[in-house]
Every structure is written in C-alpha cells, then in structure tokens.
Amino acid sequence: MLVAGDATARDAYLAAEPFATAGVWQRVAAHGFRIAPLPYLPWPPPDAPPPAGRTHSVLIGWDGTDAGALDRRLAARPAHFARVGPMAADGTLLFGGALLDDAGRMVGSLAATSHTSHAEARAWLEADPYVTGDVWRDIAIHATAFRALPYRPLPNG
C-alpha cells in the first residue's frame, strides 16, 4: 500500500491499521517511494464495470548493492523512462517509481502493471532496460486484485 507523508504519518497509520493490529499481515516492511512523473491513466477507467479476479501485477526490483549499482541505474534510466512513458499513457503501467533508502537514494523500483499473469509480467520485465542493464538484481512479482474504494472527500480537504 502507499501511504503519503513522512515516517511519523506512516507509523501512525500502521499503528491503527486493522490488518496490522489483528495479525492479518505477517510481515510489514516500509520503504520510501517516489512515484515517477509519467502520464498515467486514471484507474479504474471511468464507467468501467467492477473488475473480477486478478487485475494487475506488482513488480518489485531491488538494485544491486555493489559499488557500481547506482551508476548502472543512472545509465539505464533514460532508456527505461523512454520505455515506460508510453506504457503509462496506454494503461499498461498503472504507476511506478523508485524505492528509496533512509537517505533518499534510489535502491530499487516498484511498478503496478496491467499484466494478469506472471508470464506476461515476466515477459514485460525481461525487456526492461533495468533488467537488461543489470540494475535490478532481485525481482519479485506479486499478483493482485485492485479494487476501487468509494470516493469520499477527505476532512478539511
């Protein structure tokens, strides 16, 4: 899940989150995240019927930890952005961005894609410059079923 705000806001949210307090979540790991400035489509699409089954894949790619990791990321970044920009515009990429360490350095990436199978998600990953450029060294694919919540205006907002 994405929680806006600093570590204090995140920790306050997690302290009150029923899945965390009731033991539903077996493990919680919090990481800084900076969403990439791309032309994302709204989701769910306006007037779309509620989806059924798996709707997306969540991909987490951790960069290498060696001395050349950041240089590889920076070298592959223009090609990666050239590739994912059109995918954000056509809805293949729901959102994506950099995972950050405590000092704010890019150490990985998170992407939610419209792929409804691991095979589709893997094929998408294999062609990414962060894979072909040896940036991401530890990659996980998670099936998910995103569901839109009813919108309610935020208090004082």
C-alpha atoms as a PDB file:
ATOM      1  CA  MET A   1       0.000   0.000   0.000  1.00  0.00           C
ATOM      2  CA  LEU A   2       1.083   3.572  -0.461  1.00  0.00           C
ATOM      3  CA  VAL A   3       0.852   5.925   2.500  1.00  0.00           C
ATOM      4  CA  ALA A   4       1.505   9.615   1.961  1.00  0.00           C
ATOM      5  CA  GLY A   5       3.551  11.612   4.418  1.00  0.00           C
ATOM      6  CA  ASP A   6       6.682  11.157   6.450  1.00  0.00           C
ATOM      7  CA  ALA A   7       7.697   8.247   8.678  1.00  0.00           C
ATOM      8  CA  THR A   8       5.605   9.614  11.550  1.00  0.00           C
ATOM      9  CA  ALA A   9       2.447   9.627   9.402  1.00  0.00           C
ATOM     10  CA  ARG A  10       3.254   6.147   8.103  1.00  0.00           C
ATOM     11  CA  ASP A  11       3.851   4.762  11.593  1.00  0.00           C
ATOM     12  CA  ALA A  12       0.612   6.328  12.881  1.00  0.00           C
ATOM     13  CA  TYR A  13      -1.300   4.777  10.002  1.00  0.00           C
ATOM     14  CA  LEU A  14       0.224   1.338  10.607  1.00  0.00           C
ATOM     15  CA  ALA A  15      -0.465   1.549  14.357  1.00  0.00           C
ATOM     16  CA  ALA A  16      -4.173   1.907  13.600  1.00  0.00           C
ATOM     17  CA  GLU A  17      -4.431  -0.339  10.505  1.00  0.00           C
ATOM     18  CA  PRO A  18      -6.722  -3.280  11.369  1.00  0.00           C
ATOM     19  CA  PHE A  19      -4.746  -5.750   9.234  1.00  0.00           C
ATOM     20  CA  ALA A  20      -1.598  -4.829  11.176  1.00  0.00           C
ATOM     21  CA  THR A  21      -3.167  -4.809  14.636  1.00  0.00           C
ATOM     22  CA  ALA A  22      -5.180  -8.030  14.132  1.00  0.00           C
ATOM     23  CA  GLY A  23      -2.187 -10.003  12.863  1.00  0.00           C
ATOM     24  CA  VAL A  24      -3.512 -10.457   9.324  1.00  0.00           C
ATOM     25  CA  TRP A  25      -0.261  -9.102   7.928  1.00  0.00           C
ATOM     26  CA  GLN A  26       2.553 -11.460   8.811  1.00  0.00           C
ATOM     27  CA  ARG A  27       5.272  -9.003   7.840  1.00  0.00           C
ATOM     28  CA  VAL A  28       5.352  -5.256   7.261  1.00  0.00           C
ATOM     29  CA  ALA A  29       8.267  -3.539   5.562  1.00  0.00           C
ATOM     30  CA  ALA A  30       8.161   0.205   4.922  1.00  0.00           C
ATOM     31  CA  HIS A  31      10.230   1.838   2.196  1.00  0.00           C
ATOM     32  CA  GLY A  32      10.372   5.355   0.859  1.00  0.00           C
ATOM     33  CA  PHE A  33       8.828   5.643  -2.607  1.00  0.00           C
ATOM     34  CA  ARG A  34       8.953   8.387  -5.218  1.00  0.00           C
ATOM     35  CA  ILE A  35       6.403   7.977  -7.995  1.00  0.00           C
ATOM     36  CA  ALA A  36       7.757   8.622 -11.463  1.00  0.00           C
ATOM     37  CA  PRO A  37       6.290  11.676 -13.220  1.00  0.00           C
ATOM     38  CA  LEU A  38       4.602   9.873 -16.124  1.00  0.00           C
ATOM     39  CA  PRO A  39       1.281  10.346 -17.977  1.00  0.00           C
ATOM     40  CA  TYR A  40      -0.681   7.727 -16.012  1.00  0.00           C
ATOM     41  CA  LEU A  41      -4.285   6.991 -16.924  1.00  0.00           C
ATOM     42  CA  PRO A  42      -6.912   7.187 -14.189  1.00  0.00           C
ATOM     43  CA  TRP A  43      -7.862   3.856 -12.665  1.00  0.00           C
ATOM     44  CA  PRO A  44     -10.345   2.386 -12.737  1.00  0.00           C
ATOM     45  CA  PRO A  45     -11.345   3.735 -16.110  1.00  0.00           C
ATOM     46  CA  PRO A  46     -14.434   5.947 -15.929  1.00  0.00           C
ATOM     47  CA  ASP A  47     -17.675   3.954 -16.193  1.00  0.00           C
ATOM     48  CA  ALA A  48     -15.816   0.628 -16.148  1.00  0.00           C
ATOM     49  CA  PRO A  49     -17.618  -2.289 -14.521  1.00  0.00           C
ATOM     50  CA  PRO A  50     -16.027  -3.615 -11.331  1.00  0.00           C
ATOM     51  CA  PRO A  51     -13.167  -5.945 -12.280  1.00  0.00           C
ATOM     52  CA  ALA A  52     -13.136  -9.628 -11.391  1.00  0.00           C
ATOM     53  CA  GLY A  53     -10.112 -11.724 -10.491  1.00  0.00           C
ATOM     54  CA  ARG A  54      -6.517 -10.625 -10.835  1.00  0.00           C
ATOM     55  CA  THR A  55      -6.277  -7.124 -12.246  1.00  0.00           C
ATOM     56  CA  HIS A  56      -2.585  -6.265 -12.009  1.00  0.00           C
ATOM     57  CA  SER A  57       0.905  -7.397 -11.177  1.00  0.00           C
ATOM     58  CA  VAL A  58       3.037  -5.593  -8.625  1.00  0.00           C
ATOM     59  CA  LEU A  59       6.698  -5.806  -9.506  1.00  0.00           C
ATOM     60  CA  ILE A  60       9.456  -5.017  -7.030  1.00  0.00           C
ATOM     61  CA  GLY A  61      13.007  -4.830  -8.342  1.00  0.00           C
ATOM     62  CA  TRP A  62      15.877  -4.268  -5.939  1.00  0.00           C
ATOM     63  CA  ASP A  63      19.080  -2.825  -7.360  1.00  0.00           C
ATOM     64  CA  GLY A  64      22.411  -4.491  -6.805  1.00  0.00           C
ATOM     65  CA  THR A  65      24.278  -3.431  -3.681  1.00  0.00           C
ATOM     66  CA  ASP A  66      27.749  -3.264  -5.235  1.00  0.00           C
ATOM     67  CA  ALA A  67      29.707  -0.058  -5.824  1.00  0.00           C
ATOM     68  CA  GLY A  68      28.537   0.225  -9.461  1.00  0.00           C
ATOM     69  CA  ALA A  69      24.810  -0.182  -8.775  1.00  0.00           C
ATOM     70  CA  LEU A  70      23.842   3.493  -8.881  1.00  0.00           C
ATOM     71  CA  ASP A  71      25.952   4.106 -11.994  1.00  0.00           C
ATOM     72  CA  ARG A  72      24.167   1.233 -13.786  1.00  0.00           C
ATOM     73  CA  ARG A  73      20.784   2.647 -12.753  1.00  0.00           C
ATOM     74  CA  LEU A  74      21.638   6.132 -13.959  1.00  0.00           C
ATOM     75  CA  ALA A  75      22.999   4.775 -17.267  1.00  0.00           C
ATOM     76  CA  ALA A  76      19.837   2.719 -17.935  1.00  0.00           C
ATOM     77  CA  ARG A  77      17.381   5.339 -16.651  1.00  0.00           C
ATOM     78  CA  PRO A  78      16.822   7.296 -19.918  1.00  0.00           C
ATOM     79  CA  ALA A  79      16.022   4.102 -21.848  1.00  0.00           C
ATOM     80  CA  HIS A  80      13.827   2.838 -19.002  1.00  0.00           C
ATOM     81  CA  PHE A  81      11.815   6.097 -18.960  1.00  0.00           C
ATOM     82  CA  ALA A  82      11.532   6.088 -22.766  1.00  0.00           C
ATOM     83  CA  ARG A  83      10.031   2.613 -22.492  1.00  0.00           C
ATOM     84  CA  VAL A  84       7.640   3.112 -19.560  1.00  0.00           C
ATOM     85  CA  GLY A  85       6.302   6.552 -20.543  1.00  0.00           C
ATOM     86  CA  PRO A  86       4.128   5.202 -23.375  1.00  0.00           C
ATOM     87  CA  MET A  87       3.108   2.288 -21.135  1.00  0.00           C
ATOM     88  CA  ALA A  88       1.800   4.736 -18.535  1.00  0.00           C
ATOM     89  CA  ALA A  89      -0.076   6.595 -21.264  1.00  0.00           C
ATOM     90  CA  ASP A  90      -1.755   3.419 -22.582  1.00  0.00           C
ATOM     91  CA  GLY A  91      -2.579   1.976 -19.142  1.00  0.00           C
ATOM     92  CA  THR A  92      -0.070  -0.895 -19.119  1.00  0.00           C
ATOM     93  CA  LEU A  93       1.728   0.809 -16.234  1.00  0.00           C
ATOM     94  CA  LEU A  94      -0.746   1.846 -13.544  1.00  0.00           C
ATOM     95  CA  PHE A  95       2.037   3.559 -11.566  1.00  0.00           C
ATOM     96  CA  GLY A  96       5.721   3.113 -10.861  1.00  0.00           C
ATOM     97  CA  GLY A  97       8.661   4.732  -9.205  1.00  0.00           C
ATOM     98  CA  ALA A  98      11.831   4.436  -7.195  1.00  0.00           C
ATOM     99  CA  LEU A  99      12.200   2.730  -3.838  1.00  0.00           C
ATOM    100  CA  LEU A 100      14.404   4.828  -1.572  1.00  0.00           C
ATOM    101  CA  ASP A 101      16.706   4.007   1.309  1.00  0.00           C
ATOM    102  CA  ASP A 102      16.663   6.006   4.543  1.00  0.00           C
ATOM    103  CA  ALA A 103      18.999   8.580   2.988  1.00  0.00           C
ATOM    104  CA  GLY A 104      16.699   9.059  -0.019  1.00  0.00           C
ATOM    105  CA  ARG A 105      18.913   7.190  -2.512  1.00  0.00           C
ATOM    106  CA  MET A 106      17.280   5.085  -5.228  1.00  0.00           C
ATOM    107  CA  VAL A 107      17.791   1.415  -4.362  1.00  0.00           C
ATOM    108  CA  GLY A 108      15.016  -0.276  -6.309  1.00  0.00           C
ATOM    109  CA  SER A 109      11.730   0.174  -8.093  1.00  0.00           C
ATOM    110  CA  LEU A 110       8.079  -0.670  -7.677  1.00  0.00           C
ATOM    111  CA  ALA A 111       5.630  -0.914 -10.566  1.00  0.00           C
ATOM    112  CA  ALA A 112       1.990  -1.896 -10.838  1.00  0.00           C
ATOM    113  CA  THR A 113       1.218  -3.180 -14.320  1.00  0.00           C
ATOM    114  CA  SER A 114      -1.954  -4.375 -16.018  1.00  0.00           C
ATOM    115  CA  HIS A 115      -0.495  -7.850 -16.565  1.00  0.00           C
ATOM    116  CA  THR A 116      -2.883 -10.526 -15.342  1.00  0.00           C
ATOM    117  CA  SER A 117      -0.412 -13.412 -15.383  1.00  0.00           C
ATOM    118  CA  HIS A 118       3.095 -13.974 -14.123  1.00  0.00           C
ATOM    119  CA  ALA A 119       4.139 -14.968 -17.657  1.00  0.00           C
ATOM    120  CA  GLU A 120       3.005 -11.596 -19.052  1.00  0.00           C
ATOM    121  CA  ALA A 121       4.708  -9.718 -16.211  1.00  0.00           C
ATOM    122  CA  ARG A 122       7.953 -11.673 -16.648  1.00  0.00           C
ATOM    123  CA  ALA A 123       7.979 -11.016 -20.403  1.00  0.00           C
ATOM    124  CA  TRP A 124       7.480  -7.300 -19.722  1.00  0.00           C
ATOM    125  CA  LEU A 125      10.331  -7.329 -17.203  1.00  0.00           C
ATOM    126  CA  GLU A 126      12.783  -9.209 -19.425  1.00  0.00           C
ATOM    127  CA  ALA A 127      12.740  -6.380 -21.978  1.00  0.00           C
ATOM    128  CA  ASP A 128      13.166  -3.568 -19.457  1.00  0.00           C
ATOM    129  CA  PRO A 129      16.477  -1.657 -19.534  1.00  0.00           C
ATOM    130  CA  TYR A 130      16.755  -2.053 -15.752  1.00  0.00           C
ATOM    131  CA  VAL A 131      16.863  -5.828 -16.332  1.00  0.00           C
ATOM    132  CA  THR A 132      18.976  -5.848 -19.493  1.00  0.00           C
ATOM    133  CA  GLY A 133      21.284  -3.234 -17.923  1.00  0.00           C
ATOM    134  CA  ASP A 134      21.810  -5.373 -14.779  1.00  0.00           C
ATOM    135  CA  VAL A 135      20.244  -2.776 -12.479  1.00  0.00           C
ATOM    136  CA  TRP A 136      17.611  -4.944 -10.802  1.00  0.00           C
ATOM    137  CA  ARG A 137      19.248  -7.938  -9.172  1.00  0.00           C
ATOM    138  CA  ASP A 138      16.379  -9.208  -7.003  1.00  0.00           C
ATOM    139  CA  ILE A 139      12.913  -9.155  -8.602  1.00  0.00           C
ATOM    140  CA  ALA A 140       9.571 -10.280  -7.192  1.00  0.00           C
ATOM    141  CA  ILE A 141       6.222 -10.431  -8.985  1.00  0.00           C
ATOM    142  CA  HIS A 142       3.016 -10.346  -6.948  1.00  0.00           C
ATOM    143  CA  ALA A 143      -0.471 -10.992  -8.306  1.00  0.00           C
ATOM    144  CA  THR A 144      -3.033  -8.525  -7.066  1.00  0.00           C
ATOM    145  CA  ALA A 145      -6.667  -7.622  -7.467  1.00  0.00           C
ATOM    146  CA  PHE A 146      -7.008  -3.872  -7.151  1.00  0.00           C
ATOM    147  CA  ARG A 147     -10.473  -2.656  -6.296  1.00  0.00           C
ATOM    148  CA  ALA A 148     -11.511   0.974  -6.249  1.00  0.00           C
ATOM    149  CA  LEU A 149     -12.889   2.224  -2.963  1.00  0.00           C
ATOM    150  CA  PRO A 150     -15.847   4.586  -2.934  1.00  0.00           C
ATOM    151  CA  TYR A 151     -14.527   8.121  -3.053  1.00  0.00           C
ATOM    152  CA  ARG A 152     -15.289  10.342  -0.118  1.00  0.00           C
ATOM    153  CA  PRO A 153     -13.817  13.814   0.251  1.00  0.00           C
ATOM    154  CA  LEU A 154     -11.127  13.975   2.903  1.00  0.00           C
ATOM    155  CA  PRO A 155     -11.865  16.033   6.004  1.00  0.00           C
ATOM    156  CA  ASN A 156     -10.503  19.578   5.784  1.00  0.00           C
ATOM    157  CA  GLY A 157      -9.517  18.917   2.206  1.00  0.00           C
END
